[in-house]
């Protein structure tokens, strides 16, 4: 099989075939499992505020 040249793509543009071509598998996990901890610290940002840093409103 010939080697195909693959160009860069945005993460949202990847298809199931692209993932298979690079042998990438998606495994869903909750955040504590992903980070390997029992409990995550509380967020440093107030969850009730709409904070936008460096972005126009």
PDB file of N, CA and C in Angstrom:
ATOM      1  N   UNK A   1       0.834  -1.165   0.000  1.00  0.00           N
ATOM      2  CA  UNK A   1       0.000   0.000   0.000  1.00  0.00           C
ATOM      3  C   UNK A   1       0.887   1.240   0.000  1.00  0.00           C
ATOM      4  N   UNK A   2       0.520   2.206  -0.793  1.00  0.00           N
ATOM      5  CA  UNK A   2       1.303   3.437  -0.888  1.00  0.00           C
ATOM      6  C   UNK A   2       1.054   4.314   0.332  1.00  0.00           C
ATOM      7  N   UNK A   3       2.101   5.045   0.732  1.00  0.00           N
ATOM      8  CA  UNK A   3       1.947   5.983   1.847  1.00  0.00           C
ATOM      9  C   UNK A   3       1.265   7.241   1.339  1.00  0.00           C
ATOM     10  N   UNK A   4       0.184   7.602   1.973  1.00  0.00           N
ATOM     11  CA  UNK A   4      -0.545   8.797   1.584  1.00  0.00           C
ATOM     12  C   UNK A   4      -0.050   9.973   2.406  1.00  0.00           C
ATOM     13  N   UNK A   5       0.023  11.124   1.774  1.00  0.00           N
ATOM     14  CA  UNK A   5       0.390  12.342   2.482  1.00  0.00           C
ATOM     15  C   UNK A   5      -0.883  12.904   3.101  1.00  0.00           C
ATOM     16  N   UNK A   6      -0.847  13.107   4.394  1.00  0.00           N
ATOM     17  CA  UNK A   6      -2.015  13.629   5.105  1.00  0.00           C
ATOM     18  C   UNK A   6      -1.699  15.033   5.603  1.00  0.00           C
ATOM     19  N   UNK A   7      -2.604  15.941   5.324  1.00  0.00           N
ATOM     20  CA  UNK A   7      -2.394  17.319   5.761  1.00  0.00           C
ATOM     21  C   UNK A   7      -2.993  17.537   7.149  1.00  0.00           C
ATOM     22  N   UNK A   8      -2.548  18.593   7.793  1.00  0.00           N
ATOM     23  CA  UNK A   8      -3.035  18.915   9.140  1.00  0.00           C
ATOM     24  C   UNK A   8      -4.506  19.301   9.089  1.00  0.00           C
ATOM     25  N   UNK A   9      -5.225  18.943  10.153  1.00  0.00           N
ATOM     26  CA  UNK A   9      -6.647  19.264  10.246  1.00  0.00           C
ATOM     27  C   UNK A   9      -6.953  19.809  11.631  1.00  0.00           C
ATOM     28  N   UNK A  10      -8.022  20.559  11.691  1.00  0.00           N
ATOM     29  CA  UNK A  10      -8.545  20.984  12.982  1.00  0.00           C
ATOM     30  C   UNK A  10      -9.097  19.758  13.692  1.00  0.00           C
ATOM     31  N   UNK A  11      -9.062  19.768  15.012  1.00  0.00           N
ATOM     32  CA  UNK A  11      -9.562  18.630  15.775  1.00  0.00           C
ATOM     33  C   UNK A  11     -10.999  18.283  15.464  1.00  0.00           C
ATOM     34  N   UNK A  12     -11.809  19.276  15.136  1.00  0.00           N
ATOM     35  CA  UNK A  12     -13.221  19.019  14.847  1.00  0.00           C
ATOM     36  C   UNK A  12     -13.435  18.455  13.446  1.00  0.00           C
ATOM     37  N   UNK A  13     -12.395  18.450  12.602  1.00  0.00           N
ATOM     38  CA  UNK A  13     -12.525  17.950  11.236  1.00  0.00           C
ATOM     39  C   UNK A  13     -12.127  16.487  11.084  1.00  0.00           C
ATOM     40  N   UNK A  14     -11.674  15.844  12.155  1.00  0.00           N
ATOM     41  CA  UNK A  14     -11.248  14.454  12.071  1.00  0.00           C
ATOM     42  C   UNK A  14     -12.459  13.538  11.933  1.00  0.00           C
ATOM     43  N   UNK A  15     -12.322  12.517  11.097  1.00  0.00           N
ATOM     44  CA  UNK A  15     -13.379  11.528  10.914  1.00  0.00           C
ATOM     45  C   UNK A  15     -12.947  10.218  11.564  1.00  0.00           C
ATOM     46  N   UNK A  16     -13.859   9.261  11.617  1.00  0.00           N
ATOM     47  CA  UNK A  16     -13.521   7.931  12.137  1.00  0.00           C
ATOM     48  C   UNK A  16     -12.393   7.311  11.319  1.00  0.00           C
ATOM     49  N   UNK A  17     -12.391   7.524  10.005  1.00  0.00           N
ATOM     50  CA  UNK A  17     -11.334   6.972   9.149  1.00  0.00           C
ATOM     51  C   UNK A  17      -9.978   7.603   9.448  1.00  0.00           C
ATOM     52  N   UNK A  18      -9.957   8.911   9.717  1.00  0.00           N
ATOM     53  CA  UNK A  18      -8.701   9.579  10.079  1.00  0.00           C
ATOM     54  C   UNK A  18      -8.140   8.997  11.370  1.00  0.00           C
ATOM     55  N   UNK A  19      -9.004   8.815  12.362  1.00  0.00           N
ATOM     56  CA  UNK A  19      -8.560   8.249  13.633  1.00  0.00           C
ATOM     57  C   UNK A  19      -8.019   6.839  13.439  1.00  0.00           C
ATOM     58  N   UNK A  20      -8.688   6.039  12.635  1.00  0.00           N
ATOM     59  CA  UNK A  20      -8.240   4.669  12.379  1.00  0.00           C
ATOM     60  C   UNK A  20      -6.904   4.659  11.639  1.00  0.00           C
ATOM     61  N   UNK A  21      -6.695   5.608  10.719  1.00  0.00           N
ATOM     62  CA  UNK A  21      -5.451   5.660   9.949  1.00  0.00           C
ATOM     63  C   UNK A  21      -4.247   5.907  10.849  1.00  0.00           C
ATOM     64  N   UNK A  22      -4.433   6.655  11.927  1.00  0.00           N
ATOM     65  CA  UNK A  22      -3.351   6.937  12.866  1.00  0.00           C
ATOM     66  C   UNK A  22      -3.413   6.061  14.114  1.00  0.00           C
ATOM     67  N   UNK A  23      -4.300   5.066  14.098  1.00  0.00           N
ATOM     68  CA  UNK A  23      -4.478   4.137  15.222  1.00  0.00           C
ATOM     69  C   UNK A  23      -4.780   4.893  16.522  1.00  0.00           C
ATOM     70  N   UNK A  24      -5.692   5.851  16.423  1.00  0.00           N
ATOM     71  CA  UNK A  24      -6.107   6.638  17.580  1.00  0.00           C
ATOM     72  C   UNK A  24      -7.439   6.099  18.071  1.00  0.00           C
ATOM     73  N   UNK A  25      -7.514   5.843  19.366  1.00  0.00           N
ATOM     74  CA  UNK A  25      -8.751   5.353  19.968  1.00  0.00           C
ATOM     75  C   UNK A  25      -9.222   6.354  21.011  1.00  0.00           C
ATOM     76  N   UNK A  26     -10.516   6.588  21.049  1.00  0.00           N
ATOM     77  CA  UNK A  26     -11.116   7.505  22.010  1.00  0.00           C
ATOM     78  C   UNK A  26     -11.696   6.690  23.153  1.00  0.00           C
ATOM     79  N   UNK A  27     -11.312   7.042  24.366  1.00  0.00           N
ATOM     80  CA  UNK A  27     -11.828   6.361  25.551  1.00  0.00           C
ATOM     81  C   UNK A  27     -12.349   7.437  26.499  1.00  0.00           C
ATOM     82  N   UNK A  28     -13.640   7.442  26.736  1.00  0.00           N
ATOM     83  CA  UNK A  28     -14.251   8.454  27.590  1.00  0.00           C
ATOM     84  C   UNK A  28     -14.033   8.118  29.058  1.00  0.00           C
ATOM     85  N   UNK A  29     -13.645   9.143  29.835  1.00  0.00           N
ATOM     86  CA  UNK A  29     -13.409   8.994  31.269  1.00  0.00           C
ATOM     87  C   UNK A  29     -13.875  10.261  31.964  1.00  0.00           C
ATOM     88  N   UNK A  30     -14.207  10.117  33.244  1.00  0.00           N
ATOM     89  CA  UNK A  30     -14.503  11.322  34.006  1.00  0.00           C
ATOM     90  C   UNK A  30     -13.181  12.009  34.360  1.00  0.00           C
ATOM     91  N   UNK A  31     -13.252  13.268  34.770  1.00  0.00           N
ATOM     92  CA  UNK A  31     -12.044  14.061  35.016  1.00  0.00           C
ATOM     93  C   UNK A  31     -11.125  13.465  36.077  1.00  0.00           C
ATOM     94  N   UNK A  32     -11.621  13.021  37.246  1.00  0.00           N
ATOM     95  CA  UNK A  32     -10.705  12.453  38.243  1.00  0.00           C
ATOM     96  C   UNK A  32      -9.959  11.215  37.731  1.00  0.00           C
ATOM     97  N   UNK A  33     -10.629  10.367  36.969  1.00  0.00           N
ATOM     98  CA  UNK A  33      -9.966   9.185  36.408  1.00  0.00           C
ATOM     99  C   UNK A  33      -8.901   9.605  35.404  1.00  0.00           C
ATOM    100  N   UNK A  34      -9.229  10.576  34.549  1.00  0.00           N
ATOM    101  CA  UNK A  34      -8.280  11.048  33.543  1.00  0.00           C
ATOM    102  C   UNK A  34      -7.011  11.595  34.191  1.00  0.00           C
ATOM    103  N   UNK A  35      -7.177  12.371  35.265  1.00  0.00           N
ATOM    104  CA  UNK A  35      -6.027  12.974  35.928  1.00  0.00           C
ATOM    105  C   UNK A  35      -5.400  12.071  36.982  1.00  0.00           C
ATOM    106  N   UNK A  36      -6.006  10.914  37.255  1.00  0.00           N
ATOM    107  CA  UNK A  36      -5.429   9.955  38.189  1.00  0.00           C
ATOM    108  C   UNK A  36      -5.491  10.389  39.637  1.00  0.00           C
ATOM    109  N   UNK A  37      -6.550  11.102  40.008  1.00  0.00           N
ATOM    110  CA  UNK A  37      -6.718  11.548  41.391  1.00  0.00           C
ATOM    111  C   UNK A  37      -8.107  11.141  41.879  1.00  0.00           C
ATOM    112  N   UNK A  38      -8.281  11.130  43.208  1.00  0.00           N
ATOM    113  CA  UNK A  38      -9.593  10.797  43.758  1.00  0.00           C
ATOM    114  C   UNK A  38     -10.559  11.975  43.664  1.00  0.00           C
ATOM    115  N   UNK A  39     -10.060  13.168  44.004  1.00  0.00           N
ATOM    116  CA  UNK A  39     -10.907  14.357  43.996  1.00  0.00           C
ATOM    117  C   UNK A  39     -10.132  15.505  43.366  1.00  0.00           C
ATOM    118  N   UNK A  40     -10.795  16.253  42.506  1.00  0.00           N
ATOM    119  CA  UNK A  40     -10.173  17.435  41.922  1.00  0.00           C
ATOM    120  C   UNK A  40     -10.384  18.630  42.845  1.00  0.00           C
ATOM    121  N   UNK A  41      -9.429  19.566  42.865  1.00  0.00           N
ATOM    122  CA  UNK A  41      -9.631  20.777  43.666  1.00  0.00           C
ATOM    123  C   UNK A  41     -10.753  21.612  43.047  1.00  0.00           C
ATOM    124  N   UNK A  42     -11.380  22.467  43.825  1.00  0.00           N
ATOM    125  CA  UNK A  42     -12.433  23.312  43.250  1.00  0.00           C
ATOM    126  C   UNK A  42     -11.842  24.251  42.202  1.00  0.00           C
ATOM    127  N   UNK A  43     -12.633  24.638  41.213  1.00  0.00           N
ATOM    128  CA  UNK A  43     -12.133  25.549  40.176  1.00  0.00           C
ATOM    129  C   UNK A  43     -11.684  26.875  40.775  1.00  0.00           C
ATOM    130  N   UNK A  44     -10.658  27.473  40.185  1.00  0.00           N
ATOM    131  CA  UNK A  44     -10.135  28.748  40.673  1.00  0.00           C
ATOM    132  C   UNK A  44     -10.988  29.920  40.204  1.00  0.00           C
ATOM    133  N   UNK A  45     -11.900  29.677  39.260  1.00  0.00           N
ATOM    134  CA  UNK A  45     -12.749  30.728  38.706  1.00  0.00           C
ATOM    135  C   UNK A  45     -14.163  30.545  39.236  1.00  0.00           C
ATOM    136  N   UNK A  46     -14.789  31.638  39.626  1.00  0.00           N
ATOM    137  CA  UNK A  46     -16.169  31.594  40.095  1.00  0.00           C
ATOM    138  C   UNK A  46     -17.057  31.061  38.977  1.00  0.00           C
ATOM    139  N   UNK A  47     -17.775  30.000  39.232  1.00  0.00           N
ATOM    140  CA  UNK A  47     -18.598  29.354  38.216  1.00  0.00           C
ATOM    141  C   UNK A  47     -19.809  30.199  37.819  1.00  0.00           C
ATOM    142  N   UNK A  48     -20.181  31.176  38.643  1.00  0.00           N
ATOM    143  CA  UNK A  48     -21.331  32.020  38.338  1.00  0.00           C
ATOM    144  C   UNK A  48     -20.967  33.221  37.474  1.00  0.00           C
ATOM    145  N   UNK A  49     -19.686  33.468  37.284  1.00  0.00           N
ATOM    146  CA  UNK A  49     -19.280  34.631  36.499  1.00  0.00           C
ATOM    147  C   UNK A  49     -18.998  34.219  35.061  1.00  0.00           C
ATOM    148  N   UNK A  50     -19.147  35.167  34.166  1.00  0.00           N
ATOM    149  CA  UNK A  50     -18.851  34.952  32.753  1.00  0.00           C
ATOM    150  C   UNK A  50     -17.525  35.650  32.472  1.00  0.00           C
ATOM    151  N   UNK A  51     -16.435  34.924  32.608  1.00  0.00           N
ATOM    152  CA  UNK A  51     -15.103  35.501  32.484  1.00  0.00           C
ATOM    153  C   UNK A  51     -14.569  35.248  31.081  1.00  0.00           C
ATOM    154  N   UNK A  52     -14.163  36.324  30.427  1.00  0.00           N
ATOM    155  CA  UNK A  52     -13.550  36.211  29.107  1.00  0.00           C
ATOM    156  C   UNK A  52     -12.249  36.999  29.148  1.00  0.00           C
ATOM    157  N   UNK A  53     -11.159  36.308  29.075  1.00  0.00           N
ATOM    158  CA  UNK A  53      -9.856  36.954  29.146  1.00  0.00           C
ATOM    159  C   UNK A  53      -9.338  37.141  27.733  1.00  0.00           C
ATOM    160  N   UNK A  54      -9.090  38.386  27.358  1.00  0.00           N
ATOM    161  CA  UNK A  54      -8.517  38.679  26.057  1.00  0.00           C
ATOM    162  C   UNK A  54      -9.474  38.484  24.900  1.00  0.00           C
ATOM    163  N   UNK A  55     -10.757  38.348  25.167  1.00  0.00           N
ATOM    164  CA  UNK A  55     -11.732  38.173  24.098  1.00  0.00           C
ATOM    165  C   UNK A  55     -12.747  39.310  24.165  1.00  0.00           C
ATOM    166  N   UNK A  56     -13.128  39.838  22.999  1.00  0.00           N
ATOM    167  CA  UNK A  56     -14.157  40.886  23.011  1.00  0.00           C
ATOM    168  C   UNK A  56     -15.503  40.314  23.431  1.00  0.00           C
ATOM    169  N   UNK A  57     -16.319  41.141  24.041  1.00  0.00           N
ATOM    170  CA  UNK A  57     -17.652  40.697  24.460  1.00  0.00           C
ATOM    171  C   UNK A  57     -18.589  40.650  23.333  1.00  0.00           C
TER     172      UNK A  57
END
